[in-house]
Protein backbone atom coordinates (compact mmCIF):
# COMPACT_ATOMS: atom_id res chain seq x y z
CA MET A 1 0.00 0.00 0.00
CA ASN A 2 1.31 3.44 -0.95
CA THR A 3 1.59 6.12 1.65
CA SER A 4 0.65 9.72 0.94
CA LYS A 5 4.33 10.74 0.88
CA GLU A 6 5.08 8.30 -1.92
CA ASN A 7 2.21 9.71 -3.99
CA MET A 8 3.45 13.28 -3.55
CA VAL A 9 6.32 13.16 -6.00
CA ARG A 10 7.32 16.71 -6.68
CA LYS A 11 8.06 17.51 -10.27
CA ARG A 12 10.87 19.87 -11.02
CA ARG A 13 9.60 23.23 -12.20
CA HIS A 14 11.33 24.71 -15.22
CA LEU A 15 11.11 28.47 -15.34
CA SER A 16 11.73 30.41 -18.52
CA ALA A 17 14.29 33.18 -18.60
CA GLN A 18 11.45 35.71 -18.67
CA GLU A 19 9.87 34.17 -15.57
CA LYS A 20 13.19 34.19 -13.73
CA TYR A 21 13.68 37.84 -14.58
CA GLN A 22 10.14 38.60 -13.39
CA ILE A 23 10.88 36.85 -10.08
CA PHE A 24 14.08 38.87 -9.76
CA LEU A 25 12.23 42.13 -10.37
CA GLU A 26 9.43 41.31 -7.94
CA ALA A 27 11.87 40.25 -5.20
CA THR A 28 14.02 43.33 -5.75
CA MET A 29 11.00 45.61 -5.53
CA ALA A 30 9.79 43.85 -2.37
CA LYS A 31 13.23 44.28 -0.82
CA ALA A 32 13.40 47.93 -1.90
CA ARG A 33 10.06 48.68 -0.22
CA GLY A 34 11.64 47.50 3.00
CA ASN A 35 8.70 45.48 4.22
CA GLY A 36 10.51 42.18 3.69
CA ASN A 37 7.99 40.49 1.39
CA VAL A 38 10.67 38.64 -0.57
CA SER A 39 9.59 35.38 1.06
CA GLU A 40 6.04 36.07 -0.12
CA VAL A 41 7.27 36.44 -3.70
CA LEU A 42 9.19 33.17 -3.38
CA ARG A 43 6.15 31.36 -1.98
CA ARG A 44 3.94 32.70 -4.76
CA TRP A 45 6.32 31.39 -7.41
CA GLY A 46 6.99 28.15 -5.51
CA ILE A 47 10.75 28.51 -5.33
CA HIS A 48 13.28 28.40 -2.52
CA ALA A 49 15.67 31.09 -1.32
CA SER A 50 18.58 29.17 -2.88
CA ASP A 51 16.82 29.41 -6.26
CA MET A 52 16.49 33.16 -5.77
CA THR A 53 20.19 33.38 -4.95
CA ARG A 54 21.04 31.59 -8.22
CA ILE A 55 18.67 33.84 -10.19
CA ARG A 56 20.13 36.98 -8.60
CA LYS A 57 23.68 35.79 -9.34
CA SER A 58 22.77 35.03 -12.98
CA VAL A 59 21.25 38.48 -13.45
CA GLU A 60 24.31 40.12 -11.90
CA GLU A 61 26.73 38.16 -14.11
CA ALA A 62 24.72 38.94 -17.24
CA ALA A 63 24.62 42.64 -16.39
CA ILE A 64 28.36 42.75 -15.74
CA SER A 65 29.16 40.94 -18.97
CA ALA A 66 26.86 43.28 -20.90
CA PHE A 67 28.67 46.31 -19.51
CA LYS A 68 32.10 44.74 -20.04
CA ALA A 69 31.48 44.15 -23.73
CA ARG A 70 33.06 47.23 -25.22
CA LYS A 71 31.75 48.17 -28.56
CA SER A 72 34.30 49.86 -30.76
CA ARG A 73 33.23 53.16 -32.19
CA LYS A 74 35.65 52.83 -35.04
CA PRO A 75 34.65 50.63 -37.94
CA LYS A 76 36.99 47.71 -38.43
CA ILE A 77 38.76 47.51 -41.78
CA ASP A 78 41.56 45.28 -42.98
CA TYR A 79 45.15 46.46 -43.37
CA ASP A 80 45.11 46.61 -47.19
CA GLN A 81 41.99 48.77 -47.21
CA TYR A 82 43.57 51.00 -44.54
CA GLN A 83 46.71 51.49 -46.66
CA HIS A 84 44.61 52.28 -49.74
CA LEU A 85 42.54 54.87 -47.86
CA LYS A 86 45.67 56.37 -46.32
CA GLY A 87 47.22 56.83 -49.79
CA GLU A 88 43.98 58.33 -51.11
CA LYS A 89 43.91 60.78 -48.20
CA GLN A 90 47.47 61.91 -48.91
CA ARG A 91 46.72 62.35 -52.61
CA LEU A 92 43.62 64.43 -51.85
CA GLU A 93 45.50 66.57 -49.32
CA ALA A 94 48.16 67.31 -51.94
CA THR A 95 45.44 68.24 -54.47
CA VAL A 96 43.80 70.60 -51.97
CA LEU A 97 47.15 72.28 -51.26
CA GLU A 98 47.78 72.76 -55.00
CA GLN A 99 44.33 74.25 -55.52
CA ALA A 100 44.73 76.53 -52.52
CA ALA A 101 48.03 77.81 -53.95
CA GLU A 102 46.46 78.37 -57.40
CA LEU A 103 43.53 80.21 -55.82
CA ALA A 104 45.90 82.46 -53.88
CA LEU A 105 47.80 83.27 -57.07
CA LEU A 106 44.58 84.03 -58.98
CA LYS A 107 43.37 86.34 -56.21
CA LYS A 108 46.71 88.12 -56.20
CA LYS A 109 46.52 88.54 -60.00
CA ASP A 110 42.97 90.00 -59.79
CA ARG A 111 44.03 92.58 -57.22
CA SER A 112 47.07 93.72 -59.12
CA GLY A 113 45.53 94.26 -62.30
């Protein structure tokens, strides 16, 4: 004959990432209010304090890794393309200098006569 304890096999509850984040937010808000209702949040969701500790740690690690990931502001180009653009820049700078000198000469010519 089966006892009532044998019939009460507890199934493991699998929470989605969204649900875990919701639990984290609710527990954080309860703690921020200062009335200590974190245990109420845990009871409502049917999880233990150790589960909340793991959820909190996961959120913290994810936040830290998100802030650590530095996104470069400069576009990445290969070395050959860099050399090509560098040469083009020098050529254009030389052209601008030539045109500036010609313009200065033309302005001088107009003033003199």
